[in-house]
Amino acid sequence: MFEFIFNGTATSSSIPAIQCLTDPNTTCKTCPTTLTPEGKKNIRRNTSGILRKRITEVLDDGNGGMETQERDLVIVIDVGKTFLQAAMEWFPKYGLRKIDAVLLTHSHADATNGLDDLRGWTLNAAIQSHLDIYVNAPTFNEIKRAFPYLVSSGLATGGGAVPEFRWHMIEDSVSFSVGGENGFWITPVAVDHGLQFPPPKPISNIPLDRIHGPLNLDSPGTRTPAPISTSQPAATDQTSPLEPPRREPYKCLSFIFNNSLVYMSDVSNIPDEQWPTLLQPPTQFEMGSPAAVEHVNVRPTRANHKVFIVDVLRPFPYASHFGLDQAVQAVRKMGAARNYILGFNHDMNHDQWTAIGEAIGQPRESWAQCTDPDVKAALDLVSEGSAAWVRPAFDGLRIVIPEPEDGLDASLVDGDGQ
């Protein structure tokens, strides 16, 4: 089993909103409550997650022999504008320190603007000598454009005190491992997160002195993507000067962990072609002797997902995020035992989202008993369908997730928080 800690559960603007806190006549039902102990769960930072698993490693004992050692393997998903603030609160509370890998879902500020703050881990090897960052090509190119010194230390200015990263390139639907065979087996799945204009021409000729590969040194036989090119041709615009450029879906990565957890923090649409991977993700298993292990992708009849974490900005749909009905339809199709929603704006407070989640787990006829007009209006948006267990996540919530090999019932998924 492993743990998942919600390091942040709000959309990019986070909660509370400054315009509400400074307005003496505000009608907001969420932000003012953050100033009271009862409203602490309404304090939400940018979406981010932390995974932790206890693993056993075999190490050289220094005397020609081998010894086993247990330690925590820690993965962080996204480091946005509020990452360090969140880490200051949750890392001490949960005994977290070293980070084995950082996974980036996309290039927006609420996923990447905290990269520079990771210097606290690596300056003078305070906690560790470097951080391994896993990223796809579009996100890497945007980071290279916006923060070139994070990619090439020779471009740093001032005192030159920058974090030390090793970049690993990942691809849609190509599984990889972090922590070896008893760590995390991860499958990225690209989903739509609104639209984008054709990308600008990438910056070229940057010496990439800190790109490391291959992708899976600890997983022989796993496909290793080719290194990212430092120079790419500009996209060709086929439109006429009088026509607006054609907009394409902006892609954001979701992740499947050990075929037990699906994390989808920013999504407006799940393309039809991605559902087979989500429902039947590759499974890692071993063939051959321990001295020559080969990792092979196979597809089970259906994944046994224990937890599905999915984006809901607000009850109504939005251009770049799920609304409530879209999220519920995805929950029903995924078929996970427990479903947590996140990525909220301040339209609804935590208690209202809890009431919505509880109702979705009950027969539709019982929804008529709802007395909160905002909750009732949100439920009226939900399409007919089966009941499902849904709850809003909150910052600091920790859930414990059994894996398929644990042989534990899904009902043993448990959680705590503040």
Protein backbone atom coordinates (compact mmCIF):
# COMPACT_ATOMS: atom_id res chain seq x y z
CA MET A 1 0.00 0.00 0.00
CA PHE A 2 1.00 3.63 -0.33
CA GLU A 3 -0.12 7.07 0.82
CA PHE A 4 -1.41 10.03 -1.12
CA ILE A 5 -1.36 13.48 0.50
CA PHE A 6 -3.22 16.40 -1.07
CA ASN A 7 -0.64 19.19 -1.08
CA GLY A 8 -3.15 21.56 -2.72
CA THR A 9 -6.74 21.37 -3.98
CA ALA A 10 -7.57 24.76 -5.56
CA THR A 11 -7.49 26.15 -9.03
CA SER A 12 -4.70 28.52 -10.09
CA SER A 13 -6.00 31.54 -8.17
CA SER A 14 -6.15 29.55 -4.89
CA ILE A 15 -8.57 30.23 -2.03
CA PRO A 16 -9.26 32.63 -0.34
CA ALA A 17 -9.51 35.32 -3.00
CA ILE A 18 -8.11 38.72 -2.14
CA GLN A 19 -11.11 40.53 -3.64
CA CYS A 20 -13.40 38.76 -1.18
CA LEU A 21 -11.27 39.20 1.94
CA THR A 22 -10.93 42.94 1.33
CA ASP A 23 -14.59 43.61 0.49
CA PRO A 24 -16.63 44.40 3.64
CA ASN A 25 -19.82 43.77 1.66
CA THR A 26 -18.79 40.52 0.02
CA THR A 27 -21.47 37.91 -0.59
CA CYS A 28 -18.93 35.11 -1.01
CA LYS A 29 -19.80 32.08 1.12
CA THR A 30 -16.32 30.58 0.98
CA CYS A 31 -13.49 33.06 1.40
CA PRO A 32 -14.60 34.81 4.63
CA THR A 33 -14.84 31.43 6.38
CA THR A 34 -11.08 30.92 5.93
CA LEU A 35 -10.54 33.45 8.72
CA THR A 36 -12.28 31.13 11.20
CA PRO A 37 -11.19 27.73 12.58
CA GLU A 38 -14.36 26.16 11.17
CA GLY A 39 -13.44 27.25 7.65
CA LYS A 40 -9.90 25.88 7.53
CA LYS A 41 -10.81 23.30 4.88
CA ASN A 42 -11.72 26.18 2.58
CA ILE A 43 -8.07 27.32 2.51
CA ARG A 44 -6.87 25.80 -0.74
CA ARG A 45 -3.57 26.12 -2.60
CA ASN A 46 -2.71 25.13 -6.18
CA THR A 47 -3.41 21.50 -7.00
CA SER A 48 -0.48 19.29 -6.03
CA GLY A 49 -0.04 15.79 -4.67
CA ILE A 50 2.50 13.78 -2.70
CA LEU A 51 2.89 10.00 -2.89
CA ARG A 52 4.82 8.04 -0.29
CA LYS A 53 5.62 4.35 -0.18
CA ARG A 54 7.82 2.33 2.15
CA ILE A 55 10.33 0.37 0.08
CA THR A 56 13.23 -1.99 0.79
CA GLU A 57 16.54 -1.46 -0.98
CA VAL A 58 19.54 -3.78 -1.23
CA LEU A 59 22.75 -1.81 -0.72
CA ASP A 60 26.49 -2.45 -0.55
CA ASP A 61 27.45 -2.63 3.12
CA GLY A 62 30.97 -1.34 2.39
CA ASN A 63 32.61 -4.62 3.36
CA GLY A 64 32.01 -6.55 0.19
CA GLY A 65 28.58 -7.74 1.28
CA MET A 66 25.00 -6.59 0.86
CA GLU A 67 22.46 -5.24 3.33
CA THR A 68 18.81 -4.30 3.13
CA GLN A 69 17.50 -0.90 4.12
CA GLU A 70 13.97 0.43 4.38
CA ARG A 71 13.14 4.00 3.44
CA ASP A 72 10.31 6.23 2.23
CA LEU A 73 10.03 6.77 -1.53
CA VAL A 74 8.44 10.19 -2.15
CA ILE A 75 7.00 11.63 -5.37
CA VAL A 76 5.59 15.15 -5.75
CA ILE A 77 3.11 16.03 -8.50
CA ASP A 78 3.35 19.67 -9.64
CA VAL A 79 5.09 22.56 -7.93
CA GLY A 80 2.98 25.63 -8.60
CA LYS A 81 2.81 29.16 -7.23
CA THR A 82 1.86 28.03 -3.72
CA PHE A 83 3.98 24.86 -3.51
CA LEU A 84 6.54 26.06 -0.97
CA GLN A 85 3.86 27.51 1.29
CA ALA A 86 2.07 24.16 1.23
CA ALA A 87 5.28 22.17 1.75
CA MET A 88 6.10 24.29 4.81
CA GLU A 89 2.86 23.07 6.35
CA TRP A 90 2.53 19.45 5.24
CA PHE A 91 6.13 18.22 5.00
CA PRO A 92 6.80 18.70 8.75
CA LYS A 93 3.37 17.36 9.71
CA TYR A 94 3.80 14.12 7.78
CA GLY A 95 7.53 13.65 8.32
CA LEU A 96 8.47 14.33 4.70
CA ARG A 97 11.92 15.57 3.64
CA LYS A 98 13.70 14.09 0.62
CA ILE A 99 11.91 14.08 -2.77
CA ASP A 100 12.74 11.21 -5.13
CA ALA A 101 10.90 12.60 -8.16
CA VAL A 102 8.82 15.57 -9.28
CA LEU A 103 6.20 14.90 -11.97
CA LEU A 104 4.86 17.86 -13.93
CA THR A 105 1.42 17.64 -15.51
CA HIS A 106 1.71 20.74 -17.73
CA SER A 107 3.46 24.09 -18.08
CA HIS A 108 0.95 26.49 -16.49
CA ALA A 109 2.05 28.67 -13.58
CA ASP A 110 0.04 26.67 -11.05
CA ALA A 111 2.10 23.59 -11.94
CA THR A 112 5.60 24.99 -12.55
CA ASN A 113 6.14 28.40 -10.95
CA GLY A 114 7.43 26.79 -7.76
CA LEU A 115 10.32 25.04 -9.49
CA ASP A 116 12.75 27.72 -8.34
CA ASP A 117 11.69 27.18 -4.73
CA LEU A 118 13.10 23.65 -4.92
CA ARG A 119 16.53 25.24 -4.40
CA GLY A 120 15.81 24.76 -0.69
CA TRP A 121 16.32 21.04 -1.22
CA THR A 122 19.48 21.17 -3.35
CA LEU A 123 21.52 24.32 -2.50
CA ASN A 124 24.70 23.08 -0.83
CA ALA A 125 23.04 19.65 -0.89
CA ALA A 126 20.98 20.80 2.12
CA ILE A 127 18.63 17.83 1.76
CA GLN A 128 19.80 16.18 -1.46
CA SER A 129 22.29 16.81 -4.25
CA HIS A 130 19.71 17.12 -7.03
CA LEU A 131 16.07 16.60 -7.93
CA ASP A 132 14.81 14.36 -10.73
CA ILE A 133 12.10 16.12 -12.77
CA TYR A 134 9.84 14.07 -15.08
CA VAL A 135 8.26 16.10 -17.86
CA ASN A 136 6.96 15.79 -21.41
CA ALA A 137 8.39 17.69 -24.40
CA PRO A 138 5.86 20.59 -24.58
CA THR A 139 6.22 21.36 -20.88
CA PHE A 140 10.00 21.11 -21.03
CA ASN A 141 10.14 23.53 -23.98
CA GLU A 142 7.98 26.05 -22.14
CA ILE A 143 10.13 25.83 -19.00
CA LYS A 144 13.21 26.28 -21.20
CA ARG A 145 11.63 29.42 -22.67
CA ALA A 146 10.40 30.92 -19.39
CA PHE A 147 13.15 29.80 -17.01
CA PRO A 148 16.24 28.98 -19.08
CA TYR A 149 18.50 28.97 -16.02
CA LEU A 150 16.56 26.01 -14.63
CA VAL A 151 17.60 24.01 -17.68
CA SER A 152 21.10 25.39 -18.22
CA SER A 153 22.95 26.57 -15.12
CA GLY A 154 25.29 28.66 -17.30
CA LEU A 155 22.40 31.07 -17.93
CA ALA A 156 21.96 31.89 -14.23
CA THR A 157 22.54 35.51 -13.14
CA GLY A 158 23.12 37.20 -9.80
CA GLY A 159 24.83 34.87 -7.36
CA GLY A 160 24.08 31.81 -9.46
CA ALA A 161 22.26 30.04 -6.63
CA VAL A 162 19.79 27.88 -8.55
CA PRO A 163 18.28 24.47 -7.91
CA GLU A 164 20.02 21.41 -9.30
CA PHE A 165 17.73 19.39 -11.58
CA ARG A 166 18.07 16.28 -13.70
CA TRP A 167 15.45 16.24 -16.42
CA HIS A 168 13.76 13.04 -17.60
CA MET A 169 11.54 13.05 -20.68
CA ILE A 170 8.27 11.11 -20.55
CA GLU A 171 5.61 10.41 -23.16
CA ASP A 172 1.88 9.86 -23.30
CA SER A 173 0.94 6.23 -22.53
CA VAL A 174 4.59 5.13 -22.12
CA SER A 175 4.95 3.66 -18.63
CA PHE A 176 8.02 4.20 -16.48
CA SER A 177 9.11 3.42 -12.94
CA VAL A 178 10.42 5.44 -10.01
CA GLY A 179 12.07 3.51 -7.22
CA GLY A 180 12.57 0.25 -9.06
CA GLU A 181 10.38 -2.81 -9.07
CA ASN A 182 8.93 -2.27 -5.59
CA GLY A 183 8.38 1.47 -6.09
CA PHE A 184 5.89 3.18 -8.38
CA TRP A 185 4.90 2.03 -11.86
CA ILE A 186 3.53 5.12 -13.58
CA THR A 187 1.58 5.58 -16.81
CA PRO A 188 1.09 9.16 -18.11
CA VAL A 189 -2.19 9.75 -19.94
CA ALA A 190 -2.68 13.02 -21.86
CA VAL A 191 -6.08 14.70 -21.55
CA ASP A 192 -7.43 18.03 -22.83
CA HIS A 193 -7.08 21.10 -20.62
CA GLY A 194 -8.80 23.77 -22.69
CA LEU A 195 -7.39 25.06 -25.98
CA GLN A 196 -4.18 26.65 -27.19
CA PHE A 197 -3.01 28.66 -30.16
CA PRO A 198 -0.27 27.13 -32.31
CA PRO A 199 2.88 27.10 -30.16
CA PRO A 200 5.54 29.79 -30.58
CA LYS A 201 8.90 28.95 -32.05
CA PRO A 202 11.02 27.31 -29.31
CA ILE A 203 14.17 29.01 -28.10
CA SER A 204 17.16 27.23 -29.62
CA ASN A 205 20.88 26.90 -28.99
CA ILE A 206 20.60 26.65 -25.21
CA PRO A 207 23.29 24.33 -23.86
CA LEU A 208 21.33 21.72 -21.97
CA ASP A 209 23.99 20.70 -19.49
CA ARG A 210 21.58 19.09 -17.07
CA ILE A 211 19.46 16.75 -19.18
CA HIS A 212 20.00 13.21 -18.00
CA GLY A 213 18.94 9.88 -19.38
CA PRO A 214 18.05 7.23 -20.05
CA LEU A 215 14.61 7.56 -18.52
CA ASN A 216 14.60 4.30 -16.57
CA LEU A 217 18.02 3.37 -15.27
CA ASP A 218 16.29 1.29 -12.60
CA SER A 219 13.95 -0.47 -15.03
CA PRO A 220 15.82 -2.43 -17.74
CA GLY A 221 13.83 -3.14 -20.87
CA THR A 222 11.44 -0.24 -20.40
CA ARG A 223 11.12 2.01 -23.41
CA THR A 224 13.36 5.09 -23.13
CA PRO A 225 12.23 8.13 -25.14
CA ALA A 226 14.83 9.95 -27.19
CA PRO A 227 16.28 13.16 -25.67
CA ILE A 228 14.47 16.38 -26.46
CA SER A 229 15.98 18.37 -29.32
CA THR A 230 17.20 21.85 -28.43
CA SER A 231 16.11 23.23 -31.78
CA GLN A 232 12.80 22.60 -33.55
CA PRO A 233 11.21 24.21 -36.60
CA ALA A 234 8.44 26.67 -35.98
CA ALA A 235 4.91 25.39 -36.45
CA THR A 236 3.53 26.19 -39.90
CA ASP A 237 0.45 28.37 -39.81
CA GLN A 238 -1.90 27.22 -42.57
CA THR A 239 -4.44 29.99 -41.97
CA SER A 240 -4.70 33.14 -44.05
CA PRO A 241 -3.82 36.56 -42.54
CA LEU A 242 -7.54 37.30 -42.26
CA GLU A 243 -8.38 34.09 -40.39
CA PRO A 244 -7.68 33.53 -36.69
CA PRO A 245 -5.18 30.74 -36.06
CA ARG A 246 -6.80 27.35 -35.55
CA ARG A 247 -6.93 26.38 -31.91
CA GLU A 248 -5.93 22.90 -30.81
CA PRO A 249 -6.54 21.15 -27.48
CA TYR A 250 -3.98 22.00 -24.85
CA LYS A 251 -2.70 18.73 -23.40
CA CYS A 252 -2.14 18.02 -19.72
CA LEU A 253 -0.83 14.78 -18.26
CA SER A 254 -2.78 12.68 -15.83
CA PHE A 255 -1.06 9.75 -14.12
CA ILE A 256 -1.91 6.17 -13.18
CA PHE A 257 0.06 4.86 -10.18
CA ASN A 258 0.50 1.12 -9.65
CA ASN A 259 -2.87 0.52 -11.31
CA SER A 260 -4.49 1.66 -8.07
CA LEU A 261 -4.71 5.45 -8.31
CA VAL A 262 -5.65 7.74 -11.20
CA TYR A 263 -4.70 11.41 -10.72
CA MET A 264 -6.31 13.90 -13.15
CA SER A 265 -5.96 17.42 -11.79
CA ASP A 266 -6.63 19.57 -14.88
CA VAL A 267 -9.06 18.33 -17.51
CA SER A 268 -11.82 19.68 -19.73
CA ASN A 269 -12.21 16.57 -21.88
CA ILE A 270 -10.95 12.98 -21.85
CA PRO A 271 -10.36 11.98 -25.48
CA ASP A 272 -12.12 8.75 -26.45
CA GLU A 273 -8.84 7.14 -27.49
CA GLN A 274 -7.45 7.53 -23.95
CA TRP A 275 -10.15 5.53 -22.19
CA PRO A 276 -8.68 2.10 -23.07
CA THR A 277 -5.44 3.06 -21.32
CA LEU A 278 -7.27 4.51 -18.33
CA LEU A 279 -9.45 1.43 -17.92
CA GLN A 280 -6.82 -1.15 -18.90
CA PRO A 281 -3.41 0.38 -18.13
CA PRO A 282 -0.16 -1.50 -18.70
CA THR A 283 0.88 -3.74 -15.81
CA GLN A 284 4.48 -4.34 -14.81
CA PHE A 285 5.55 -7.91 -14.17
CA GLU A 286 8.84 -9.77 -14.30
CA MET A 287 10.16 -12.44 -16.64
CA GLY A 288 13.47 -14.23 -16.39
CA SER A 289 15.93 -14.64 -13.55
CA PRO A 290 16.55 -11.95 -10.91
CA ALA A 291 19.87 -11.21 -12.60
CA ALA A 292 18.17 -10.41 -15.92
CA VAL A 293 14.77 -8.91 -15.25
CA GLU A 294 12.66 -7.79 -18.18
CA HIS A 295 9.71 -5.49 -17.67
CA VAL A 296 6.83 -6.09 -20.05
CA ASN A 297 3.59 -4.22 -20.70
CA VAL A 298 0.43 -6.34 -20.55
CA ARG A 299 -3.19 -5.28 -20.28
CA PRO A 300 -5.49 -6.87 -17.70
CA THR A 301 -9.19 -7.30 -18.38
CA ARG A 302 -9.88 -4.18 -16.36
CA ALA A 303 -7.91 -2.11 -13.89
CA ASN A 304 -8.76 -2.41 -10.21
CA HIS A 305 -8.49 1.30 -9.45
CA LYS A 306 -9.02 2.05 -5.79
CA VAL A 307 -9.01 5.85 -6.08
CA PHE A 308 -9.81 8.37 -8.84
CA ILE A 309 -8.82 11.99 -8.20
CA VAL A 310 -10.44 14.34 -10.71
CA ASP A 311 -10.74 18.04 -11.50
CA VAL A 312 -13.95 20.02 -10.83
CA LEU A 313 -13.60 23.80 -10.99
CA ARG A 314 -17.24 24.62 -10.26
CA PRO A 315 -20.71 23.14 -10.85
CA PHE A 316 -21.04 24.65 -14.34
CA PRO A 317 -18.65 23.61 -17.15
CA TYR A 318 -15.68 25.80 -17.96
CA ALA A 319 -13.42 26.06 -21.01
CA SER A 320 -10.42 24.38 -19.36
CA HIS A 321 -11.87 22.38 -16.46
CA PHE A 322 -14.59 19.84 -15.79
CA GLY A 323 -17.87 20.99 -14.39
CA LEU A 324 -19.71 18.75 -11.94
CA ASP A 325 -21.65 16.69 -14.50
CA GLN A 326 -18.54 15.99 -16.60
CA ALA A 327 -16.67 14.84 -13.51
CA VAL A 328 -19.52 12.57 -12.37
CA GLN A 329 -19.75 10.98 -15.81
CA ALA A 330 -16.00 10.29 -15.71
CA VAL A 331 -16.32 8.86 -12.19
CA ARG A 332 -19.04 6.47 -13.30
CA LYS A 333 -17.01 5.31 -16.28
CA MET A 334 -13.80 4.88 -14.30
CA GLY A 335 -15.50 2.69 -11.73
CA ALA A 336 -13.08 3.39 -8.86
CA ALA A 337 -14.01 2.55 -5.28
CA ARG A 338 -13.36 6.07 -4.00
CA ASN A 339 -13.46 9.34 -5.94
CA TYR A 340 -12.05 12.66 -4.76
CA ILE A 341 -12.73 15.95 -6.54
CA LEU A 342 -10.36 18.95 -6.44
CA GLY A 343 -9.33 22.09 -8.32
CA PHE A 344 -12.12 24.26 -6.93
CA ASN A 345 -12.69 27.98 -7.26
CA HIS A 346 -14.55 29.85 -4.51
CA ASP A 347 -18.08 29.48 -5.90
CA MET A 348 -18.87 26.67 -3.42
CA ASN A 349 -17.46 25.96 0.04
CA HIS A 350 -16.21 22.64 1.39
CA ASP A 351 -19.45 21.81 3.23
CA GLN A 352 -21.48 22.38 0.07
CA TRP A 353 -19.16 20.14 -1.97
CA THR A 354 -19.45 17.49 0.74
CA ALA A 355 -23.24 17.64 0.55
CA ILE A 356 -23.03 17.28 -3.24
CA GLY A 357 -20.74 14.27 -2.95
CA GLU A 358 -22.94 12.57 -0.37
CA ALA A 359 -26.00 13.07 -2.57
CA ILE A 360 -24.28 11.56 -5.63
CA GLY A 361 -23.77 8.40 -3.58
CA GLN A 362 -27.52 8.14 -2.90
CA PRO A 363 -30.53 7.38 -5.12
CA ARG A 364 -31.53 10.39 -7.19
CA GLU A 365 -34.98 10.52 -5.58
CA SER A 366 -33.39 11.52 -2.27
CA TRP A 367 -31.87 14.67 -3.80
CA ALA A 368 -35.24 16.40 -3.47
CA GLN A 369 -34.61 16.60 0.28
CA CYS A 370 -31.72 19.03 -0.26
CA THR A 371 -32.41 22.42 1.35
CA ASP A 372 -29.36 24.41 0.19
CA PRO A 373 -30.38 26.16 -3.07
CA ASP A 374 -26.81 26.25 -4.39
CA VAL A 375 -26.32 22.54 -3.75
CA LYS A 376 -29.70 21.72 -5.31
CA ALA A 377 -28.86 23.81 -8.40
CA ALA A 378 -25.55 21.95 -8.75
CA LEU A 379 -27.21 18.54 -8.42
CA ASP A 380 -29.77 19.52 -11.07
CA LEU A 381 -26.84 19.67 -13.53
CA VAL A 382 -25.92 16.01 -12.99
CA SER A 383 -27.07 13.53 -15.63
CA GLU A 384 -29.02 10.38 -14.82
CA GLY A 385 -26.83 7.46 -13.84
CA SER A 386 -25.60 5.17 -11.12
CA ALA A 387 -24.65 6.30 -7.62
CA ALA A 388 -20.95 6.71 -6.81
CA TRP A 389 -18.80 7.50 -3.76
CA VAL A 390 -17.58 11.08 -4.22
CA ARG A 391 -16.02 13.49 -1.73
CA PRO A 392 -14.20 16.82 -1.99
CA ALA A 393 -10.51 16.65 -1.13
CA PHE A 394 -8.96 19.33 1.07
CA ASP A 395 -5.41 20.49 1.64
CA GLY A 396 -3.56 18.13 3.95
CA LEU A 397 -5.93 15.18 3.48
CA ARG A 398 -4.00 11.88 3.56
CA ILE A 399 -5.42 8.68 2.10
CA VAL A 400 -3.96 5.18 2.31
CA ILE A 401 -4.36 3.15 -0.87
CA PRO A 402 -4.12 -0.64 -1.08
CA GLU A 403 -2.44 -2.07 -4.18
CA PRO A 404 -3.74 -5.08 -6.16
CA GLU A 405 -1.10 -7.39 -4.69
CA ASP A 406 -2.06 -6.43 -1.14
CA GLY A 407 -5.22 -8.48 -1.44
CA LEU A 408 -7.14 -5.88 0.57
CA ASP A 409 -10.68 -4.80 -0.05
CA ALA A 410 -11.18 -1.32 -1.51
CA SER A 411 -13.21 -0.34 1.54
CA LEU A 412 -9.96 -0.25 3.51
CA VAL A 413 -9.03 2.98 1.78
CA ASP A 414 -8.88 5.43 4.67
CA GLY A 415 -7.87 9.00 5.23
CA ASP A 416 -7.18 11.74 7.71
CA GLY A 417 -6.30 15.37 7.49
CA GLN A 418 -6.19 18.51 9.53
